[in-house]
PDB file of all heavy atoms in Angstrom:
ATOM      1  N   MET A   1       0.824  -1.223  -0.020  1.00  0.00           N
ATOM      2  CA  MET A   1      -0.003  -0.004   0.010  1.00  0.00           C
ATOM      3  C   MET A   1       0.842   1.262  -0.006  1.00  0.00           C
ATOM      4  O   MET A   1       0.482   2.287   0.598  1.00  0.00           O
ATOM      5  CB  MET A   1      -0.952  -0.017   1.172  1.00  0.00           C
ATOM      6  CG  MET A   1      -2.061  -1.047   1.134  1.00  0.00           C
ATOM      7  SD  MET A   1      -3.073  -1.002  -0.382  1.00  0.00           S
ATOM      8  CE  MET A   1      -3.742   0.639  -0.280  1.00  0.00           C
ATOM      9  N   ASP A   2       1.996   1.197  -0.698  1.00  0.00           N
ATOM     10  CA  ASP A   2       2.835   2.413  -0.792  1.00  0.00           C
ATOM     11  C   ASP A   2       2.192   3.459  -1.658  1.00  0.00           C
ATOM     12  O   ASP A   2       2.628   4.638  -1.659  1.00  0.00           O
ATOM     13  CB  ASP A   2       4.235   2.038  -1.328  1.00  0.00           C
ATOM     14  CG  ASP A   2       4.211   1.470  -2.730  1.00  0.00           C
ATOM     15  OD1 ASP A   2       3.118   1.126  -3.241  1.00  0.00           O
ATOM     16  OD2 ASP A   2       5.289   1.368  -3.343  1.00  0.00           O
ATOM     17  N   HIS A   3       1.132   3.106  -2.375  1.00  0.00           N
ATOM     18  CA  HIS A   3       0.455   4.101  -3.244  1.00  0.00           C
ATOM     19  C   HIS A   3      -0.656   4.855  -2.469  1.00  0.00           C
ATOM     20  O   HIS A   3      -1.294   5.731  -3.020  1.00  0.00           O
ATOM     21  CB  HIS A   3      -0.186   3.404  -4.449  1.00  0.00           C
ATOM     22  CG  HIS A   3      -1.113   2.247  -4.123  1.00  0.00           C
ATOM     23  ND1 HIS A   3      -2.448   2.346  -4.132  1.00  0.00           N
ATOM     24  CD2 HIS A   3      -0.811   0.975  -3.798  1.00  0.00           C
ATOM     25  CE1 HIS A   3      -2.981   1.166  -3.811  1.00  0.00           C
ATOM     26  NE2 HIS A   3      -2.007   0.325  -3.607  1.00  0.00           N
ATOM     27  N   GLU A   4      -0.873   4.478  -1.219  1.00  0.00           N
ATOM     28  CA  GLU A   4      -1.884   5.210  -0.413  1.00  0.00           C
ATOM     29  C   GLU A   4      -1.288   6.472   0.173  1.00  0.00           C
ATOM     30  O   GLU A   4      -0.130   6.467   0.667  1.00  0.00           O
ATOM     31  CB  GLU A   4      -2.406   4.316   0.718  1.00  0.00           C
ATOM     32  CG  GLU A   4      -3.508   5.000   1.490  1.00  0.00           C
ATOM     33  CD  GLU A   4      -4.061   4.127   2.589  1.00  0.00           C
ATOM     34  OE1 GLU A   4      -3.257   3.534   3.349  1.00  0.00           O
ATOM     35  OE2 GLU A   4      -5.283   4.051   2.728  1.00  0.00           O
ATOM     36  N   GLN A   5      -2.074   7.537   0.079  1.00  0.00           N
ATOM     37  CA  GLN A   5      -1.622   8.836   0.660  1.00  0.00           C
ATOM     38  C   GLN A   5      -2.847   9.561   1.224  1.00  0.00           C
ATOM     39  O   GLN A   5      -3.985   9.328   0.781  1.00  0.00           O
ATOM     40  CB  GLN A   5      -0.937   9.666  -0.397  1.00  0.00           C
ATOM     41  CG  GLN A   5      -1.720   9.859  -1.699  1.00  0.00           C
ATOM     42  CD  GLN A   5      -0.862  10.446  -2.836  1.00  0.00           C
ATOM     43  OE1 GLN A   5       0.355  10.582  -2.721  1.00  0.00           O
ATOM     44  NE2 GLN A   5      -1.542  10.813  -3.903  1.00  0.00           N
ATOM     45  N   PHE A   6      -2.568  10.418   2.196  1.00  0.00           N
ATOM     46  CA  PHE A   6      -3.654  11.209   2.778  1.00  0.00           C
ATOM     47  C   PHE A   6      -3.395  12.664   2.482  1.00  0.00           C
ATOM     48  O   PHE A   6      -2.348  13.088   1.977  1.00  0.00           O
ATOM     49  CB  PHE A   6      -3.751  10.981   4.270  1.00  0.00           C
ATOM     50  CG  PHE A   6      -2.531  11.330   5.114  1.00  0.00           C
ATOM     51  CD1 PHE A   6      -2.185  12.651   5.345  1.00  0.00           C
ATOM     52  CD2 PHE A   6      -1.709  10.330   5.622  1.00  0.00           C
ATOM     53  CE1 PHE A   6      -1.049  12.971   6.100  1.00  0.00           C
ATOM     54  CE2 PHE A   6      -0.605  10.629   6.375  1.00  0.00           C
ATOM     55  CZ  PHE A   6      -0.266  11.966   6.615  1.00  0.00           C
ATOM     56  N   LEU A   7      -4.421  13.466   2.745  1.00  0.00           N
ATOM     57  CA  LEU A   7      -4.345  14.916   2.647  1.00  0.00           C
ATOM     58  C   LEU A   7      -4.458  15.507   4.045  1.00  0.00           C
ATOM     59  O   LEU A   7      -5.366  15.092   4.813  1.00  0.00           O
ATOM     60  CB  LEU A   7      -5.494  15.433   1.748  1.00  0.00           C
ATOM     61  CG  LEU A   7      -5.670  16.946   1.638  1.00  0.00           C
ATOM     62  CD1 LEU A   7      -4.550  17.577   0.815  1.00  0.00           C
ATOM     63  CD2 LEU A   7      -7.034  17.262   1.019  1.00  0.00           C
ATOM     64  N   ALA A   8      -3.578  16.383   4.388  1.00  0.00           N
ATOM     65  CA  ALA A   8      -3.639  17.072   5.694  1.00  0.00           C
ATOM     66  C   ALA A   8      -3.634  18.569   5.490  1.00  0.00           C
ATOM     67  O   ALA A   8      -2.818  19.085   4.680  1.00  0.00           O
ATOM     68  CB  ALA A   8      -2.461  16.634   6.605  1.00  0.00           C
ATOM     69  N   VAL A   9      -4.520  19.241   6.159  1.00  0.00           N
ATOM     70  CA  VAL A   9      -4.709  20.683   5.998  1.00  0.00           C
ATOM     71  C   VAL A   9      -4.690  21.364   7.349  1.00  0.00           C
ATOM     72  O   VAL A   9      -5.367  20.941   8.280  1.00  0.00           O
ATOM     73  CB  VAL A   9      -6.032  21.000   5.301  1.00  0.00           C
ATOM     74  CG1 VAL A   9      -6.184  22.511   5.124  1.00  0.00           C
ATOM     75  CG2 VAL A   9      -6.146  20.272   3.957  1.00  0.00           C
ATOM     76  N   ARG A  10      -3.834  22.409   7.458  1.00  0.00           N
ATOM     77  CA  ARG A  10      -3.808  23.204   8.675  1.00  0.00           C
ATOM     78  C   ARG A  10      -4.638  24.476   8.494  1.00  0.00           C
ATOM     79  O   ARG A  10      -4.420  25.232   7.554  1.00  0.00           O
ATOM     80  CB  ARG A  10      -2.351  23.576   9.031  1.00  0.00           C
ATOM     81  CG  ARG A  10      -2.237  24.477  10.248  1.00  0.00           C
ATOM     82  CD  ARG A  10      -0.806  24.626  10.680  1.00  0.00           C
ATOM     83  NE  ARG A  10       0.075  25.051   9.625  1.00  0.00           N
ATOM     84  CZ  ARG A  10       1.414  24.964   9.624  1.00  0.00           C
ATOM     85  NH1 ARG A  10       1.973  24.435  10.680  1.00  0.00           N
ATOM     86  NH2 ARG A  10       2.133  25.361   8.608  1.00  0.00           N
ATOM     87  N   GLU A  11      -5.603  24.645   9.373  1.00  0.00           N
ATOM     88  CA  GLU A  11      -6.431  25.857   9.394  1.00  0.00           C
ATOM     89  C   GLU A  11      -6.307  26.453  10.786  1.00  0.00           C
ATOM     90  O   GLU A  11      -6.921  25.934  11.723  1.00  0.00           O
ATOM     91  CB  GLU A  11      -7.887  25.537   9.026  1.00  0.00           C
ATOM     92  CG  GLU A  11      -8.089  25.097   7.580  1.00  0.00           C
ATOM     93  CD  GLU A  11      -8.711  26.215   6.731  1.00  0.00           C
ATOM     94  OE1 GLU A  11      -9.625  26.888   7.203  1.00  0.00           O
ATOM     95  OE2 GLU A  11      -8.256  26.365   5.586  1.00  0.00           O
ATOM     96  N   GLY A  12      -5.540  27.506  10.928  1.00  0.00           N
ATOM     97  CA  GLY A  12      -5.294  28.052  12.257  1.00  0.00           C
ATOM     98  C   GLY A  12      -4.577  27.027  13.125  1.00  0.00           C
ATOM     99  O   GLY A  12      -3.533  26.519  12.724  1.00  0.00           O
ATOM    100  N   GLU A  13      -5.162  26.659  14.246  1.00  0.00           N
ATOM    101  CA  GLU A  13      -4.536  25.622  15.111  1.00  0.00           C
ATOM    102  C   GLU A  13      -5.120  24.238  14.822  1.00  0.00           C
ATOM    103  O   GLU A  13      -4.708  23.276  15.488  1.00  0.00           O
ATOM    104  CB  GLU A  13      -4.782  25.994  16.584  1.00  0.00           C
ATOM    105  CG  GLU A  13      -4.116  27.311  16.995  1.00  0.00           C
ATOM    106  CD  GLU A  13      -4.329  27.642  18.467  1.00  0.00           C
ATOM    107  OE1 GLU A  13      -5.097  26.877  19.119  1.00  0.00           O
ATOM    108  OE2 GLU A  13      -3.746  28.613  18.978  1.00  0.00           O
ATOM    109  N   ASN A  14      -6.022  24.138  13.872  1.00  0.00           N
ATOM    110  CA  ASN A  14      -6.666  22.854  13.567  1.00  0.00           C
ATOM    111  C   ASN A  14      -5.929  22.142  12.455  1.00  0.00           C
ATOM    112  O   ASN A  14      -5.561  22.720  11.439  1.00  0.00           O
ATOM    113  CB  ASN A  14      -8.123  23.112  13.182  1.00  0.00           C
ATOM    114  CG  ASN A  14      -8.937  23.716  14.273  1.00  0.00           C
ATOM    115  OD1 ASN A  14      -8.850  23.295  15.425  1.00  0.00           O
ATOM    116  ND2 ASN A  14      -9.795  24.658  13.931  1.00  0.00           N
ATOM    117  N   ILE A  15      -5.731  20.827  12.641  1.00  0.00           N
ATOM    118  CA  ILE A  15      -5.177  19.996  11.603  1.00  0.00           C
ATOM    119  C   ILE A  15      -6.291  19.024  11.144  1.00  0.00           C
ATOM    120  O   ILE A  15      -6.775  18.213  11.938  1.00  0.00           O
ATOM    121  CB  ILE A  15      -3.956  19.188  12.027  1.00  0.00           C
ATOM    122  CG1 ILE A  15      -2.850  20.103  12.560  1.00  0.00           C
ATOM    123  CG2 ILE A  15      -3.432  18.319  10.895  1.00  0.00           C
ATOM    124  CD1 ILE A  15      -2.286  21.058  11.528  1.00  0.00           C
ATOM    125  N   PHE A  16      -6.684  19.154   9.903  1.00  0.00           N
ATOM    126  CA  PHE A  16      -7.687  18.254   9.321  1.00  0.00           C
ATOM    127  C   PHE A  16      -6.967  17.128   8.576  1.00  0.00           C
ATOM    128  O   PHE A  16      -6.128  17.383   7.703  1.00  0.00           O
ATOM    129  CB  PHE A  16      -8.561  19.020   8.307  1.00  0.00           C
ATOM    130  CG  PHE A  16      -9.508  20.025   8.898  1.00  0.00           C
ATOM    131  CD1 PHE A  16      -9.021  21.251   9.383  1.00  0.00           C
ATOM    132  CD2 PHE A  16     -10.875  19.757   9.010  1.00  0.00           C
ATOM    133  CE1 PHE A  16      -9.877  22.211   9.935  1.00  0.00           C
ATOM    134  CE2 PHE A  16     -11.728  20.712   9.563  1.00  0.00           C
ATOM    135  CZ  PHE A  16     -11.219  21.936  10.011  1.00  0.00           C
ATOM    136  N   LEU A  17      -7.325  15.897   8.905  1.00  0.00           N
ATOM    137  CA  LEU A  17      -6.732  14.734   8.231  1.00  0.00           C
ATOM    138  C   LEU A  17      -7.830  14.070   7.382  1.00  0.00           C
ATOM    139  O   LEU A  17      -8.868  13.664   7.902  1.00  0.00           O
ATOM    140  CB  LEU A  17      -6.236  13.740   9.257  1.00  0.00           C
ATOM    141  CG  LEU A  17      -5.756  12.375   8.738  1.00  0.00           C
ATOM    142  CD1 LEU A  17      -4.567  12.508   7.790  1.00  0.00           C
ATOM    143  CD2 LEU A  17      -5.405  11.450   9.903  1.00  0.00           C
ATOM    144  N   PHE A  18      -7.574  13.958   6.084  1.00  0.00           N
ATOM    145  CA  PHE A  18      -8.484  13.334   5.159  1.00  0.00           C
ATOM    146  C   PHE A  18      -7.813  12.039   4.647  1.00  0.00           C
ATOM    147  O   PHE A  18      -6.752  12.094   4.020  1.00  0.00           O
ATOM    148  CB  PHE A  18      -8.803  14.244   3.978  1.00  0.00           C
ATOM    149  CG  PHE A  18      -9.505  15.526   4.362  1.00  0.00           C
ATOM    150  CD1 PHE A  18      -8.737  16.691   4.583  1.00  0.00           C
ATOM    151  CD2 PHE A  18     -10.883  15.588   4.494  1.00  0.00           C
ATOM    152  CE1 PHE A  18      -9.362  17.854   4.942  1.00  0.00           C
ATOM    153  CE2 PHE A  18     -11.492  16.766   4.822  1.00  0.00           C
ATOM    154  CZ  PHE A  18     -10.759  17.926   5.062  1.00  0.00           C
ATOM    155  N   SER A  19      -8.447  10.897   4.874  1.00  0.00           N
ATOM    156  CA  SER A  19      -7.890   9.626   4.462  1.00  0.00           C
ATOM    157  C   SER A  19      -8.993   8.855   3.717  1.00  0.00           C
ATOM    158  O   SER A  19     -10.110   8.709   4.246  1.00  0.00           O
ATOM    159  CB  SER A  19      -7.397   8.833   5.658  1.00  0.00           C
ATOM    160  OG  SER A  19      -6.889   7.582   5.242  1.00  0.00           O
ATOM    161  N   GLY A  20      -8.690   8.334   2.558  1.00  0.00           N
ATOM    162  CA  GLY A  20      -9.682   7.653   1.747  1.00  0.00           C
ATOM    163  C   GLY A  20     -10.159   6.313   2.339  1.00  0.00           C
ATOM    164  O   GLY A  20     -11.325   6.098   2.529  1.00  0.00           O
ATOM    165  N   CYS A  21      -9.178   5.420   2.613  1.00  0.00           N
ATOM    166  CA  CYS A  21      -9.526   4.120   3.181  1.00  0.00           C
ATOM    167  C   CYS A  21      -8.647   3.713   4.385  1.00  0.00           C
ATOM    168  O   CYS A  21      -9.014   2.768   5.091  1.00  0.00           O
ATOM    169  CB  CYS A  21      -9.399   3.012   2.101  1.00  0.00           C
ATOM    170  SG  CYS A  21     -10.932   2.715   1.157  1.00  0.00           S
ATOM    171  N   SER A  22      -7.568   4.372   4.560  1.00  0.00           N
ATOM    172  CA  SER A  22      -6.645   4.048   5.693  1.00  0.00           C
ATOM    173  C   SER A  22      -6.214   2.602   5.639  1.00  0.00           C
ATOM    174  O   SER A  22      -6.236   1.901   6.663  1.00  0.00           O
ATOM    175  CB  SER A  22      -7.303   4.376   7.035  1.00  0.00           C
ATOM    176  OG  SER A  22      -7.829   5.686   7.047  1.00  0.00           O
ATOM    177  N   HIS A  23      -5.864   2.098   4.451  1.00  0.00           N
ATOM    178  CA  HIS A  23      -5.422   0.714   4.338  1.00  0.00           C
ATOM    179  C   HIS A  23      -4.131   0.479   5.150  1.00  0.00           C
ATOM    180  O   HIS A  23      -3.858  -0.656   5.557  1.00  0.00           O
ATOM    181  CB  HIS A  23      -5.183   0.324   2.871  1.00  0.00           C
ATOM    182  CG  HIS A  23      -6.460   0.198   2.081  1.00  0.00           C
ATOM    183  ND1 HIS A  23      -7.367  -0.778   2.345  1.00  0.00           N
ATOM    184  CD2 HIS A  23      -6.923   0.905   1.038  1.00  0.00           C
ATOM    185  CE1 HIS A  23      -8.381  -0.687   1.495  1.00  0.00           C
ATOM    186  NE2 HIS A  23      -8.142   0.344   0.678  1.00  0.00           N
ATOM    187  N   LYS A  24      -3.347   1.520   5.361  1.00  0.00           N
ATOM    188  CA  LYS A  24      -2.163   1.409   6.206  1.00  0.00           C
ATOM    189  C   LYS A  24      -2.527   1.526   7.671  1.00  0.00           C
ATOM    190  O   LYS A  24      -1.682   1.357   8.543  1.00  0.00           O
ATOM    191  CB  LYS A  24      -1.132   2.479   5.836  1.00  0.00           C
ATOM    192  CG  LYS A  24      -0.545   2.363   4.469  1.00  0.00           C
ATOM    193  CD  LYS A  24       0.557   1.292   4.432  1.00  0.00           C
ATOM    194  CE  LYS A  24       1.833   1.778   5.099  1.00  0.00           C
ATOM    195  NZ  LYS A  24       2.955   0.861   4.895  1.00  0.00           N
ATOM    196  N   GLY A  25      -3.776   1.874   7.934  1.00  0.00           N
ATOM    197  CA  GLY A  25      -4.250   2.078   9.298  1.00  0.00           C
ATOM    198  C   GLY A  25      -4.419   3.546   9.597  1.00  0.00           C
ATOM    199  O   GLY A  25      -3.527   4.379   9.259  1.00  0.00           O
ATOM    200  N   ILE A  26      -5.532   3.921  10.187  1.00  0.00           N
ATOM    201  CA  ILE A  26      -5.754   5.336  10.478  1.00  0.00           C
ATOM    202  C   ILE A  26      -4.723   5.855  11.498  1.00  0.00           C
ATOM    203  O   ILE A  26      -4.333   7.029  11.464  1.00  0.00           O
ATOM    204  CB  ILE A  26      -7.198   5.582  10.969  1.00  0.00           C
ATOM    205  CG1 ILE A  26      -7.506   7.082  11.113  1.00  0.00           C
ATOM    206  CG2 ILE A  26      -7.466   4.858  12.292  1.00  0.00           C
ATOM    207  CD1 ILE A  26      -7.360   7.863   9.828  1.00  0.00           C
ATOM    208  N   VAL A  27      -4.274   4.990  12.395  1.00  0.00           N
ATOM    209  CA  VAL A  27      -3.273   5.425  13.377  1.00  0.00           C
ATOM    210  C   VAL A  27      -1.966   5.751  12.656  1.00  0.00           C
ATOM    211  O   VAL A  27      -1.325   6.771  12.980  1.00  0.00           O
ATOM    212  CB  VAL A  27      -3.059   4.345  14.466  1.00  0.00           C
ATOM    213  CG1 VAL A  27      -1.895   4.735  15.362  1.00  0.00           C
ATOM    214  CG2 VAL A  27      -4.354   4.176  15.259  1.00  0.00           C
ATOM    215  N   ALA A  28      -1.577   4.968  11.663  1.00  0.00           N
ATOM    216  CA  ALA A  28      -0.375   5.244  10.908  1.00  0.00           C
ATOM    217  C   ALA A  28      -0.473   6.597  10.207  1.00  0.00           C
ATOM    218  O   ALA A  28       0.461   7.383  10.209  1.00  0.00           O
ATOM    219  CB  ALA A  28      -0.102   4.165   9.888  1.00  0.00           C
TER     220      ALA A  28
END
């Protein structure tokens, strides 16, 4: 699953994590 990637966005002090399926695990 090296082709899996997430999107992370910083808005002020907030970090938004967008993950499609988390095949590597959401904790990872």
